[in-house]
């Protein structure tokens, strides 16, 4: 199974759009690649409809959705039309891509071990690396978890670098728009202040001693 920060395995698969979709074409954008066992089955239908219902939110986050199963394009097209799925479905006929992503292997079905597609979802970043992995997927609440992960891992604005003004050579003119370089102010030395003893004023009468 793939782990976060690992490179997403390359693929090129036929799509319901009428052309192939490849990792090369997807470079530069974030996308969700989710693997499911079979078209028009209860769990797969609920999962697909949940992605459909949240497609606008995913689109606003700049994330494309791609569903993958071993079903043919004809089966995919019927599935899309039946439930109004507006995202692309890819046909992985021999499960080669599912195997590459670790989404194919032994799993439990009705308590019995079987070999097949493991319901899995991968969030891939714009550089073609795995951001998040969900496997095996529990359908209920899954798309909300994907949306939360997308929000957490969104791009952040980089701090603006400080503007550095090189020193001017003597006699050189200041370029237009460049800030004026102000000379550092000299540090003033603190002067010691001494208190003077009070002096007697001229003509002042001497103080009389007090009687004890």
N, C-alpha and C. Protein backbone atom coordinates (compact mmCIF):
# COMPACT_ATOMS: atom_id res chain seq x y z
N UNK A 1 0.85 -1.20 0.00
CA UNK A 1 0.00 0.00 0.00
C UNK A 1 0.88 1.25 0.00
N UNK A 2 0.50 2.22 -0.79
CA UNK A 2 1.25 3.47 -0.85
C UNK A 2 1.10 4.25 0.45
N UNK A 3 2.08 5.08 0.73
CA UNK A 3 2.04 5.92 1.92
C UNK A 3 2.17 7.37 1.51
N UNK A 4 1.73 8.32 2.35
CA UNK A 4 1.86 9.74 2.02
C UNK A 4 3.29 10.13 1.70
N UNK A 5 3.44 11.05 0.75
CA UNK A 5 4.72 11.57 0.25
C UNK A 5 5.41 10.65 -0.75
N UNK A 6 4.85 9.46 -0.99
CA UNK A 6 5.45 8.59 -2.00
C UNK A 6 4.96 9.00 -3.39
N UNK A 7 5.75 8.78 -4.44
CA UNK A 7 5.31 9.13 -5.80
C UNK A 7 4.10 8.27 -6.20
N UNK A 8 3.12 8.90 -6.84
CA UNK A 8 1.95 8.16 -7.32
C UNK A 8 2.36 7.35 -8.55
N UNK A 9 2.07 6.05 -8.60
CA UNK A 9 2.42 5.26 -9.78
C UNK A 9 1.80 5.82 -11.05
N UNK A 10 2.58 5.80 -12.12
CA UNK A 10 2.12 6.34 -13.40
C UNK A 10 1.06 5.42 -14.00
N UNK A 11 0.11 6.02 -14.72
CA UNK A 11 -0.90 5.22 -15.42
C UNK A 11 -1.43 6.00 -16.62
N UNK A 12 -2.06 5.28 -17.52
CA UNK A 12 -2.79 5.86 -18.64
C UNK A 12 -3.95 4.92 -18.92
N UNK A 13 -5.18 5.40 -18.65
CA UNK A 13 -6.36 4.53 -18.75
C UNK A 13 -7.42 5.18 -19.62
N UNK A 14 -8.19 4.36 -20.37
CA UNK A 14 -9.30 4.91 -21.15
C UNK A 14 -10.39 5.45 -20.23
N UNK A 15 -11.00 6.56 -20.66
CA UNK A 15 -11.97 7.26 -19.84
C UNK A 15 -13.31 7.38 -20.55
N UNK A 16 -14.36 7.60 -19.76
CA UNK A 16 -15.69 7.82 -20.34
C UNK A 16 -15.76 9.14 -21.10
N UNK A 17 -14.70 9.96 -21.00
CA UNK A 17 -14.66 11.21 -21.77
C UNK A 17 -14.37 10.95 -23.24
N UNK A 18 -13.98 9.70 -23.57
CA UNK A 18 -13.66 9.35 -24.95
C UNK A 18 -12.17 9.41 -25.26
N UNK A 19 -11.36 9.73 -24.28
CA UNK A 19 -9.92 9.76 -24.47
C UNK A 19 -9.26 9.13 -23.24
N UNK A 20 -7.95 8.97 -23.29
CA UNK A 20 -7.23 8.39 -22.16
C UNK A 20 -6.85 9.49 -21.16
N UNK A 21 -6.78 9.12 -19.91
CA UNK A 21 -6.33 10.02 -18.85
C UNK A 21 -5.05 9.43 -18.28
N UNK A 22 -4.01 10.27 -18.17
CA UNK A 22 -2.72 9.80 -17.69
C UNK A 22 -2.19 10.70 -16.58
N UNK A 23 -1.25 10.15 -15.82
CA UNK A 23 -0.61 10.95 -14.77
C UNK A 23 0.17 12.10 -15.38
N UNK A 24 0.68 11.91 -16.59
CA UNK A 24 1.40 12.99 -17.27
C UNK A 24 0.49 14.18 -17.53
N UNK A 25 -0.74 13.89 -17.99
CA UNK A 25 -1.72 14.95 -18.25
C UNK A 25 -2.17 15.62 -16.96
N UNK A 26 -2.23 14.84 -15.86
CA UNK A 26 -2.75 15.35 -14.59
C UNK A 26 -1.72 16.15 -13.81
N UNK A 27 -0.47 16.14 -14.24
CA UNK A 27 0.59 16.86 -13.52
C UNK A 27 0.25 18.34 -13.46
N UNK A 28 0.39 18.92 -12.28
CA UNK A 28 0.08 20.33 -12.10
C UNK A 28 -1.27 20.58 -11.45
N UNK A 29 -2.05 19.52 -11.18
CA UNK A 29 -3.33 19.69 -10.50
C UNK A 29 -3.53 18.59 -9.46
N UNK A 30 -4.27 18.92 -8.41
CA UNK A 30 -4.60 17.92 -7.40
C UNK A 30 -5.80 17.12 -7.89
N UNK A 31 -5.80 15.83 -7.57
CA UNK A 31 -6.94 15.01 -7.97
C UNK A 31 -7.16 13.86 -6.99
N UNK A 32 -8.40 13.40 -6.98
CA UNK A 32 -8.79 12.23 -6.19
C UNK A 32 -8.92 11.05 -7.14
N UNK A 33 -8.24 9.98 -6.83
CA UNK A 33 -8.33 8.74 -7.60
C UNK A 33 -8.90 7.69 -6.66
N UNK A 34 -10.13 7.25 -6.96
CA UNK A 34 -10.73 6.26 -6.06
C UNK A 34 -11.05 4.98 -6.81
N UNK A 35 -10.69 3.87 -6.18
CA UNK A 35 -10.90 2.53 -6.76
C UNK A 35 -12.11 1.89 -6.10
N UNK A 36 -12.98 1.31 -6.91
CA UNK A 36 -14.17 0.64 -6.37
C UNK A 36 -14.36 -0.69 -7.10
N UNK A 37 -15.03 -1.65 -6.47
CA UNK A 37 -15.12 -3.00 -7.05
C UNK A 37 -15.94 -3.13 -8.33
N UNK A 38 -17.18 -2.53 -8.35
CA UNK A 38 -18.04 -2.83 -9.51
C UNK A 38 -19.13 -1.79 -9.68
N UNK A 39 -19.41 -1.47 -10.95
CA UNK A 39 -20.48 -0.52 -11.27
C UNK A 39 -21.84 -1.01 -10.76
N UNK A 40 -22.66 -0.04 -10.35
CA UNK A 40 -24.07 -0.27 -10.04
C UNK A 40 -24.31 -1.35 -8.98
N UNK A 41 -23.41 -1.41 -8.00
CA UNK A 41 -23.63 -2.26 -6.83
C UNK A 41 -23.91 -1.32 -5.65
N UNK A 42 -24.56 -1.78 -4.60
CA UNK A 42 -25.03 -0.86 -3.55
C UNK A 42 -23.96 0.07 -2.98
N UNK A 43 -22.86 -0.49 -2.48
CA UNK A 43 -21.82 0.35 -1.87
C UNK A 43 -21.16 1.27 -2.88
N UNK A 44 -20.88 0.76 -4.07
CA UNK A 44 -20.22 1.57 -5.10
C UNK A 44 -21.13 2.68 -5.60
N UNK A 45 -22.43 2.42 -5.64
CA UNK A 45 -23.38 3.44 -6.07
C UNK A 45 -23.47 4.56 -5.04
N UNK A 46 -23.53 4.21 -3.75
CA UNK A 46 -23.58 5.23 -2.70
C UNK A 46 -22.33 6.09 -2.70
N UNK A 47 -21.19 5.46 -2.89
CA UNK A 47 -19.94 6.20 -2.91
C UNK A 47 -19.89 7.15 -4.11
N UNK A 48 -20.26 6.66 -5.28
CA UNK A 48 -20.24 7.49 -6.49
C UNK A 48 -21.21 8.67 -6.36
N UNK A 49 -22.39 8.41 -5.82
CA UNK A 49 -23.39 9.49 -5.68
C UNK A 49 -22.94 10.53 -4.65
N UNK A 50 -22.19 10.09 -3.64
CA UNK A 50 -21.66 11.04 -2.65
C UNK A 50 -20.62 11.95 -3.30
N UNK A 51 -19.75 11.39 -4.12
CA UNK A 51 -18.80 12.23 -4.86
C UNK A 51 -19.55 13.16 -5.80
N UNK A 52 -20.57 12.66 -6.46
CA UNK A 52 -21.39 13.50 -7.36
C UNK A 52 -22.00 14.67 -6.62
N UNK A 53 -22.58 14.42 -5.46
CA UNK A 53 -23.27 15.46 -4.70
C UNK A 53 -22.31 16.51 -4.15
N UNK A 54 -21.04 16.17 -4.03
CA UNK A 54 -20.05 17.11 -3.49
C UNK A 54 -19.05 17.58 -4.55
N UNK A 55 -19.38 17.34 -5.80
CA UNK A 55 -18.45 17.67 -6.87
C UNK A 55 -18.18 19.17 -6.95
N UNK A 56 -19.19 20.00 -6.69
CA UNK A 56 -18.99 21.45 -6.74
C UNK A 56 -18.00 21.89 -5.67
N UNK A 57 -18.09 21.33 -4.48
CA UNK A 57 -17.16 21.68 -3.40
C UNK A 57 -15.74 21.24 -3.74
N UNK A 58 -15.62 20.07 -4.33
CA UNK A 58 -14.31 19.58 -4.75
C UNK A 58 -13.74 20.45 -5.86
N UNK A 59 -14.61 20.87 -6.77
CA UNK A 59 -14.18 21.73 -7.86
C UNK A 59 -13.69 23.08 -7.37
N UNK A 60 -14.39 23.64 -6.38
CA UNK A 60 -13.97 24.94 -5.82
C UNK A 60 -12.60 24.83 -5.15
N UNK A 61 -12.29 23.65 -4.66
CA UNK A 61 -10.97 23.42 -4.04
C UNK A 61 -9.91 23.10 -5.09
N UNK A 62 -10.32 23.05 -6.36
CA UNK A 62 -9.37 22.77 -7.44
C UNK A 62 -8.97 21.32 -7.54
N UNK A 63 -9.87 20.42 -7.13
CA UNK A 63 -9.57 18.99 -7.12
C UNK A 63 -10.47 18.25 -8.11
N UNK A 64 -9.87 17.47 -8.96
CA UNK A 64 -10.58 16.66 -9.96
C UNK A 64 -10.86 15.28 -9.38
N UNK A 65 -11.97 14.67 -9.77
CA UNK A 65 -12.34 13.34 -9.27
C UNK A 65 -12.32 12.33 -10.41
N UNK A 66 -11.68 11.19 -10.15
CA UNK A 66 -11.61 10.11 -11.13
C UNK A 66 -11.92 8.79 -10.42
N UNK A 67 -12.93 8.08 -10.93
CA UNK A 67 -13.27 6.76 -10.38
C UNK A 67 -12.68 5.68 -11.25
N UNK A 68 -12.21 4.58 -10.64
CA UNK A 68 -11.55 3.50 -11.38
C UNK A 68 -12.12 2.15 -10.96
N UNK A 69 -12.46 1.34 -11.94
CA UNK A 69 -12.78 -0.07 -11.68
C UNK A 69 -12.43 -0.88 -12.93
N UNK A 70 -12.54 -2.19 -12.83
CA UNK A 70 -12.18 -3.04 -13.97
C UNK A 70 -13.30 -3.11 -15.02
N UNK A 71 -14.46 -2.50 -14.75
CA UNK A 71 -15.58 -2.55 -15.69
C UNK A 71 -15.23 -1.87 -17.01
N UNK A 72 -15.94 -2.28 -18.06
CA UNK A 72 -15.71 -1.71 -19.39
C UNK A 72 -16.24 -0.28 -19.46
N UNK A 73 -15.84 0.44 -20.51
CA UNK A 73 -16.33 1.81 -20.70
C UNK A 73 -17.84 1.81 -20.94
N UNK A 74 -18.35 0.78 -21.61
CA UNK A 74 -19.80 0.69 -21.85
C UNK A 74 -20.55 0.57 -20.52
N UNK A 75 -20.02 -0.25 -19.61
CA UNK A 75 -20.63 -0.41 -18.28
C UNK A 75 -20.54 0.91 -17.50
N UNK A 76 -19.38 1.54 -17.58
CA UNK A 76 -19.20 2.83 -16.90
C UNK A 76 -20.20 3.87 -17.39
N UNK A 77 -20.41 3.89 -18.71
CA UNK A 77 -21.29 4.90 -19.28
C UNK A 77 -22.73 4.70 -18.81
N UNK A 78 -23.17 3.46 -18.75
CA UNK A 78 -24.52 3.16 -18.25
C UNK A 78 -24.65 3.59 -16.79
N UNK A 79 -23.62 3.32 -16.02
CA UNK A 79 -23.59 3.67 -14.60
C UNK A 79 -23.69 5.19 -14.44
N UNK A 80 -22.94 5.92 -15.25
CA UNK A 80 -22.97 7.38 -15.18
C UNK A 80 -24.34 7.94 -15.55
N UNK A 81 -24.89 7.41 -16.61
CA UNK A 81 -26.19 7.92 -17.08
C UNK A 81 -27.30 7.60 -16.09
N UNK A 82 -27.24 6.42 -15.50
CA UNK A 82 -28.29 6.01 -14.56
C UNK A 82 -28.34 6.91 -13.33
N UNK A 83 -27.17 7.35 -12.84
CA UNK A 83 -27.13 8.12 -11.60
C UNK A 83 -26.66 9.57 -11.80
N UNK A 84 -26.54 10.00 -13.03
CA UNK A 84 -26.15 11.38 -13.30
C UNK A 84 -24.77 11.73 -12.78
N UNK A 85 -23.82 10.81 -12.94
CA UNK A 85 -22.46 11.05 -12.47
C UNK A 85 -21.74 11.94 -13.48
N UNK A 86 -21.30 13.09 -13.03
CA UNK A 86 -20.71 14.07 -13.95
C UNK A 86 -19.18 14.07 -13.93
N UNK A 87 -18.57 13.12 -13.25
CA UNK A 87 -17.11 13.01 -13.28
C UNK A 87 -16.73 11.76 -14.10
N UNK A 88 -15.46 11.69 -14.48
CA UNK A 88 -15.00 10.62 -15.35
C UNK A 88 -14.79 9.30 -14.59
N UNK A 89 -15.05 8.21 -15.29
CA UNK A 89 -14.75 6.88 -14.79
C UNK A 89 -13.73 6.25 -15.74
N UNK A 90 -12.71 5.61 -15.16
CA UNK A 90 -11.63 5.00 -15.94
C UNK A 90 -11.73 3.49 -15.87
N UNK A 91 -11.39 2.84 -16.99
CA UNK A 91 -11.47 1.38 -17.06
C UNK A 91 -10.08 0.76 -16.88
N UNK A 92 -9.93 0.01 -15.79
CA UNK A 92 -8.68 -0.68 -15.47
C UNK A 92 -8.93 -2.18 -15.66
N UNK A 93 -9.05 -2.60 -16.92
CA UNK A 93 -9.54 -3.94 -17.27
C UNK A 93 -8.79 -5.08 -16.58
N UNK A 94 -7.48 -5.00 -16.50
CA UNK A 94 -6.73 -6.10 -15.89
C UNK A 94 -6.34 -5.83 -14.45
N UNK A 95 -6.86 -4.77 -13.85
CA UNK A 95 -6.56 -4.37 -12.47
C UNK A 95 -5.07 -4.03 -12.27
N UNK A 96 -4.36 -3.72 -13.35
CA UNK A 96 -2.93 -3.44 -13.23
C UNK A 96 -2.68 -2.17 -12.40
N UNK A 97 -3.49 -1.14 -12.63
CA UNK A 97 -3.30 0.11 -11.89
C UNK A 97 -3.72 -0.08 -10.43
N UNK A 98 -4.80 -0.81 -10.21
CA UNK A 98 -5.23 -1.10 -8.83
C UNK A 98 -4.13 -1.82 -8.06
N UNK A 99 -3.46 -2.76 -8.73
CA UNK A 99 -2.36 -3.49 -8.09
C UNK A 99 -1.21 -2.54 -7.77
N UNK A 100 -0.89 -1.64 -8.71
CA UNK A 100 0.22 -0.70 -8.51
C UNK A 100 -0.03 0.21 -7.31
N UNK A 101 -1.30 0.53 -7.07
CA UNK A 101 -1.65 1.42 -5.95
C UNK A 101 -1.93 0.64 -4.66
N UNK A 102 -1.82 -0.68 -4.71
CA UNK A 102 -2.10 -1.48 -3.52
C UNK A 102 -3.57 -1.62 -3.24
N UNK A 103 -4.40 -1.37 -4.27
CA UNK A 103 -5.85 -1.44 -4.10
C UNK A 103 -6.42 -2.76 -4.63
N UNK A 104 -5.59 -3.76 -4.69
CA UNK A 104 -6.05 -5.08 -5.13
C UNK A 104 -5.35 -6.12 -4.25
N UNK A 105 -6.14 -7.04 -3.72
CA UNK A 105 -5.55 -8.08 -2.87
C UNK A 105 -6.62 -8.82 -2.10
N UNK A 106 -6.21 -9.42 -1.02
CA UNK A 106 -7.16 -10.21 -0.23
C UNK A 106 -7.97 -9.28 0.67
N UNK A 107 -9.25 -9.56 0.76
CA UNK A 107 -10.16 -8.79 1.61
C UNK A 107 -11.26 -9.71 2.11
N UNK A 108 -12.03 -9.23 3.05
CA UNK A 108 -13.15 -10.01 3.57
C UNK A 108 -14.45 -9.57 2.91
N UNK A 109 -15.24 -10.54 2.47
CA UNK A 109 -16.57 -10.26 1.92
C UNK A 109 -17.56 -11.20 2.59
N UNK A 110 -18.47 -10.60 3.34
CA UNK A 110 -19.44 -11.38 4.13
C UNK A 110 -18.72 -12.36 5.05
N UNK A 111 -17.58 -11.88 5.60
CA UNK A 111 -16.84 -12.69 6.56
C UNK A 111 -15.91 -13.72 5.95
N UNK A 112 -15.86 -13.80 4.62
CA UNK A 112 -15.00 -14.79 3.96
C UNK A 112 -13.88 -14.08 3.19
N UNK A 113 -12.65 -14.61 3.25
CA UNK A 113 -11.55 -13.99 2.51
C UNK A 113 -11.69 -14.22 1.00
N UNK A 114 -11.59 -13.15 0.25
CA UNK A 114 -11.62 -13.23 -1.22
C UNK A 114 -10.53 -12.31 -1.76
N UNK A 115 -10.20 -12.48 -3.03
CA UNK A 115 -9.22 -11.62 -3.68
C UNK A 115 -9.92 -10.74 -4.69
N UNK A 116 -9.65 -9.45 -4.63
CA UNK A 116 -10.31 -8.52 -5.55
C UNK A 116 -9.90 -7.09 -5.27
N UNK A 117 -10.65 -6.15 -5.83
CA UNK A 117 -10.36 -4.72 -5.64
C UNK A 117 -10.72 -4.32 -4.20
N UNK A 118 -9.80 -3.66 -3.54
CA UNK A 118 -10.03 -3.13 -2.20
C UNK A 118 -10.46 -1.68 -2.35
N UNK A 119 -11.63 -1.35 -1.85
CA UNK A 119 -12.13 0.02 -1.98
C UNK A 119 -11.12 0.99 -1.35
N UNK A 120 -10.53 1.85 -2.18
CA UNK A 120 -9.43 2.72 -1.73
C UNK A 120 -9.52 4.07 -2.43
N UNK A 121 -9.07 5.11 -1.72
CA UNK A 121 -9.05 6.46 -2.29
C UNK A 121 -7.68 7.08 -2.05
N UNK A 122 -7.18 7.79 -3.06
CA UNK A 122 -5.88 8.45 -2.98
C UNK A 122 -6.04 9.91 -3.38
N UNK A 123 -5.51 10.80 -2.55
CA UNK A 123 -5.45 12.23 -2.88
C UNK A 123 -4.04 12.50 -3.36
N UNK A 124 -3.92 12.95 -4.62
CA UNK A 124 -2.62 13.17 -5.25
C UNK A 124 -2.39 14.67 -5.42
N UNK A 125 -1.19 15.14 -5.08
CA UNK A 125 -0.93 16.57 -5.18
C UNK A 125 -0.48 16.97 -6.59
N UNK A 126 -0.25 18.27 -6.78
CA UNK A 126 0.08 18.79 -8.11
C UNK A 126 1.45 18.33 -8.60
N UNK A 127 2.29 17.85 -7.68
CA UNK A 127 3.61 17.36 -8.07
C UNK A 127 3.61 15.86 -8.34
N UNK A 128 2.43 15.23 -8.27
CA UNK A 128 2.35 13.80 -8.55
C UNK A 128 2.74 12.92 -7.38
N UNK A 129 2.60 13.45 -6.16
CA UNK A 129 2.90 12.67 -4.96
C UNK A 129 1.63 12.42 -4.17
N UNK A 130 1.62 11.34 -3.42
CA UNK A 130 0.45 10.96 -2.63
C UNK A 130 0.36 11.86 -1.40
N UNK A 131 -0.80 12.53 -1.26
CA UNK A 131 -1.04 13.35 -0.07
C UNK A 131 -1.67 12.53 1.04
N UNK A 132 -2.75 11.82 0.71
CA UNK A 132 -3.49 11.04 1.71
C UNK A 132 -3.95 9.72 1.11
N UNK A 133 -4.12 8.72 1.99
CA UNK A 133 -4.59 7.40 1.57
C UNK A 133 -5.71 6.96 2.50
N UNK A 134 -6.79 6.43 1.92
CA UNK A 134 -7.87 5.80 2.68
C UNK A 134 -8.05 4.39 2.13
N UNK A 135 -7.77 3.38 2.94
CA UNK A 135 -7.92 1.99 2.47
C UNK A 135 -7.89 1.05 3.67
N UNK A 136 -8.87 0.17 3.79
CA UNK A 136 -10.11 0.11 2.99
C UNK A 136 -11.06 1.24 3.39
N UNK A 137 -11.89 1.64 2.46
CA UNK A 137 -12.80 2.76 2.65
C UNK A 137 -14.13 2.28 3.19
N UNK A 138 -14.63 3.01 4.19
CA UNK A 138 -16.03 2.85 4.63
C UNK A 138 -16.81 3.96 3.95
N UNK A 139 -17.83 3.61 3.21
CA UNK A 139 -18.51 4.56 2.34
C UNK A 139 -19.13 5.73 3.11
N UNK A 140 -19.83 5.45 4.18
CA UNK A 140 -20.54 6.51 4.90
C UNK A 140 -19.55 7.51 5.50
N UNK A 141 -19.71 8.78 5.12
CA UNK A 141 -18.86 9.85 5.64
C UNK A 141 -17.51 9.96 4.97
N UNK A 142 -17.25 9.12 3.97
CA UNK A 142 -15.93 9.10 3.35
C UNK A 142 -15.62 10.40 2.60
N UNK A 143 -16.55 10.88 1.79
CA UNK A 143 -16.29 12.08 0.99
C UNK A 143 -16.07 13.30 1.89
N UNK A 144 -16.78 13.38 3.01
CA UNK A 144 -16.56 14.47 3.95
C UNK A 144 -15.13 14.41 4.51
N UNK A 145 -14.64 13.20 4.76
CA UNK A 145 -13.27 13.05 5.25
C UNK A 145 -12.27 13.49 4.19
N UNK A 146 -12.56 13.20 2.93
CA UNK A 146 -11.68 13.63 1.83
C UNK A 146 -11.67 15.16 1.74
N UNK A 147 -12.84 15.77 1.84
CA UNK A 147 -12.93 17.23 1.78
C UNK A 147 -12.17 17.89 2.93
N UNK A 148 -12.26 17.31 4.11
CA UNK A 148 -11.54 17.84 5.27
C UNK A 148 -10.03 17.76 5.04
N UNK A 149 -9.57 16.65 4.47
CA UNK A 149 -8.14 16.48 4.19
C UNK A 149 -7.66 17.47 3.13
N UNK A 150 -8.51 17.73 2.14
CA UNK A 150 -8.16 18.69 1.09
C UNK A 150 -8.00 20.08 1.69
N UNK A 151 -8.92 20.45 2.60
CA UNK A 151 -8.85 21.76 3.25
C UNK A 151 -7.60 21.88 4.12
N UNK A 152 -7.24 20.82 4.81
CA UNK A 152 -6.05 20.85 5.68
C UNK A 152 -4.77 20.95 4.88
N UNK A 153 -4.75 20.28 3.73
CA UNK A 153 -3.52 20.23 2.94
C UNK A 153 -3.45 21.22 1.82
N UNK A 154 -4.32 22.26 1.85
CA UNK A 154 -4.33 23.25 0.78
C UNK A 154 -3.08 24.09 0.78
N UNK A 155 -2.77 24.76 -0.34
CA UNK A 155 -1.58 25.60 -0.39
C UNK A 155 -1.70 26.81 0.52
N UNK A 156 -0.60 27.20 1.10
CA UNK A 156 -0.58 28.39 1.94
C UNK A 156 0.27 29.46 1.29
N UNK A 157 -0.05 30.70 1.56
CA UNK A 157 0.69 31.80 0.96
C UNK A 157 2.08 31.90 1.59
N UNK A 158 3.10 32.00 0.75
CA UNK A 158 4.46 32.14 1.24
C UNK A 158 4.71 33.57 1.68
N UNK A 159 5.47 33.78 2.74
CA UNK A 159 5.74 35.15 3.18
C UNK A 159 6.54 35.91 2.13
N UNK A 160 6.26 37.22 1.98
CA UNK A 160 6.96 38.03 1.00
C UNK A 160 8.38 38.29 1.49
N UNK A 161 9.39 38.10 0.62
CA UNK A 161 10.77 38.33 1.06
C UNK A 161 11.03 39.81 1.32
N UNK A 162 11.90 40.10 2.29
CA UNK A 162 12.24 41.49 2.59
C UNK A 162 13.00 42.10 1.43
N UNK A 163 12.74 43.37 1.15
CA UNK A 163 13.41 44.06 0.05
C UNK A 163 14.77 44.54 0.51
N UNK A 164 15.80 44.10 -0.19
CA UNK A 164 17.16 44.47 0.18
C UNK A 164 17.66 45.50 -0.82
N UNK A 165 18.10 46.67 -0.32
CA UNK A 165 18.62 47.74 -1.17
C UNK A 165 20.13 47.75 -1.07
N UNK A 166 20.86 47.48 -2.16
CA UNK A 166 22.33 47.47 -2.09
C UNK A 166 22.86 48.87 -1.85
N UNK A 167 24.01 49.00 -1.19
CA UNK A 167 24.57 50.34 -0.94
C UNK A 167 24.99 51.00 -2.24
N UNK A 168 24.83 52.34 -2.31
CA UNK A 168 25.21 53.09 -3.51
C UNK A 168 26.68 53.47 -3.46
N UNK A 169 27.29 53.45 -4.62
CA UNK A 169 28.67 53.91 -4.70
C UNK A 169 28.69 55.42 -4.55
N UNK A 170 29.75 56.00 -4.03
CA UNK A 170 29.83 57.46 -3.86
C UNK A 170 29.60 58.18 -5.18
N UNK A 171 28.72 59.16 -5.19
CA UNK A 171 28.43 59.94 -6.39
C UNK A 171 27.38 59.34 -7.29
N UNK A 172 26.96 58.07 -7.03
CA UNK A 172 25.95 57.43 -7.89
C UNK A 172 24.57 57.96 -7.54
N UNK A 173 23.70 58.05 -8.57
CA UNK A 173 22.34 58.54 -8.36
C UNK A 173 21.46 57.43 -7.83
N UNK A 174 20.48 57.80 -7.00
CA UNK A 174 19.53 56.82 -6.47
C UNK A 174 18.55 56.42 -7.55
N UNK A 175 18.38 55.09 -7.83
CA UNK A 175 17.41 54.65 -8.85
C UNK A 175 16.01 55.11 -8.50
N UNK A 176 15.21 55.36 -9.56
CA UNK A 176 13.83 55.79 -9.35
C UNK A 176 13.05 54.72 -8.61
N UNK A 177 12.33 55.11 -7.58
CA UNK A 177 11.50 54.17 -6.83
C UNK A 177 12.22 53.49 -5.69
N UNK A 178 13.57 53.64 -5.64
CA UNK A 178 14.31 52.98 -4.55
C UNK A 178 14.16 53.79 -3.28
N UNK A 179 14.00 53.14 -2.14
CA UNK A 179 13.85 53.87 -0.88
C UNK A 179 15.15 54.56 -0.50
N UNK A 180 15.04 55.74 0.13
CA UNK A 180 16.23 56.47 0.56
C UNK A 180 16.88 55.74 1.74
N UNK A 181 18.19 55.61 1.67
CA UNK A 181 18.91 54.97 2.78
C UNK A 181 19.28 56.04 3.77
N UNK A 182 18.80 55.95 4.95
CA UNK A 182 19.08 56.95 5.97
C UNK A 182 20.29 56.54 6.79
N UNK A 183 21.16 57.53 7.05
CA UNK A 183 22.37 57.25 7.83
C UNK A 183 21.98 56.97 9.27
N UNK A 184 22.69 56.05 9.92
CA UNK A 184 22.36 55.75 11.32
C UNK A 184 22.62 56.95 12.22
N UNK A 185 21.72 57.19 13.13
CA UNK A 185 21.86 58.32 14.05
C UNK A 185 22.94 58.00 15.08
N UNK A 186 23.82 59.02 15.37
CA UNK A 186 24.86 58.76 16.37
C UNK A 186 24.25 58.57 17.76
N UNK A 187 24.87 57.69 18.49
CA UNK A 187 24.40 57.41 19.84
C UNK A 187 24.93 58.48 20.78
N UNK A 188 24.04 59.20 21.45
CA UNK A 188 24.43 60.26 22.37
C UNK A 188 24.84 59.66 23.71
N UNK A 189 26.01 60.14 24.20
CA UNK A 189 26.50 59.64 25.48
C UNK A 189 25.72 60.28 26.62
N UNK A 190 25.38 59.51 27.58
CA UNK A 190 24.66 60.04 28.75
C UNK A 190 25.64 60.81 29.63
N UNK A 191 25.25 62.03 30.06
CA UNK A 191 26.09 62.84 30.94
C UNK A 191 25.76 62.56 32.40
N UNK A 192 26.83 62.46 33.15
CA UNK A 192 26.61 62.24 34.60
C UNK A 192 26.09 63.52 35.24
N UNK A 193 25.07 63.39 36.00
CA UNK A 193 24.46 64.55 36.67
C UNK A 193 24.77 64.46 38.16
N UNK A 194 25.44 65.47 38.67
CA UNK A 194 25.76 65.49 40.11
C UNK A 194 24.97 66.59 40.80
N UNK A 195 24.50 66.28 41.95
CA UNK A 195 23.74 67.26 42.73
C UNK A 195 24.68 68.15 43.53
N UNK A 196 24.45 69.45 43.45
CA UNK A 196 25.27 70.40 44.19
C UNK A 196 24.62 70.70 45.55
N UNK A 197 25.50 70.90 46.53
CA UNK A 197 24.97 71.26 47.86
C UNK A 197 24.43 72.67 47.80
N UNK A 198 23.32 72.94 48.45
CA UNK A 198 22.75 74.29 48.42
C UNK A 198 23.69 75.30 49.07
N UNK A 199 23.81 76.47 48.46
CA UNK A 199 24.68 77.53 48.98
C UNK A 199 23.83 78.62 49.64
N UNK A 200 24.45 79.27 50.59
CA UNK A 200 23.71 80.33 51.31
C UNK A 200 23.61 81.57 50.44
N UNK A 201 22.43 82.18 50.41
CA UNK A 201 22.25 83.41 49.62
C UNK A 201 22.84 84.60 50.36
N UNK A 202 23.31 85.56 49.56
CA UNK A 202 23.91 86.77 50.16
C UNK A 202 22.87 87.51 50.97
N UNK A 203 23.23 87.93 52.18
CA UNK A 203 22.32 88.70 53.02
C UNK A 203 21.36 87.84 53.80
N UNK A 204 21.43 86.52 53.65
CA UNK A 204 20.49 85.65 54.36
C UNK A 204 20.91 85.54 55.82
N UNK A 205 19.97 85.55 56.71
CA UNK A 205 20.25 85.43 58.15
C UNK A 205 20.58 84.00 58.48
N UNK A 206 21.60 83.81 59.32
CA UNK A 206 21.92 82.43 59.70
C UNK A 206 20.78 81.82 60.52
N UNK A 207 20.62 80.56 60.34
CA UNK A 207 19.53 79.88 61.04
C UNK A 207 19.82 79.82 62.53
N UNK A 208 18.77 80.13 63.36
CA UNK A 208 18.92 80.08 64.81
C UNK A 208 18.83 78.65 65.31
N UNK A 209 19.73 78.32 66.23
CA UNK A 209 19.63 76.96 66.77
C UNK A 209 18.36 76.78 67.58
N UNK A 210 17.75 75.63 67.45
CA UNK A 210 16.53 75.36 68.21
C UNK A 210 16.86 74.97 69.63
N UNK A 211 15.98 75.42 70.55
CA UNK A 211 16.14 75.04 71.96
C UNK A 211 15.62 73.62 72.14
N UNK A 212 16.41 72.90 72.93
CA UNK A 212 16.01 71.52 73.20
C UNK A 212 15.42 71.44 74.60
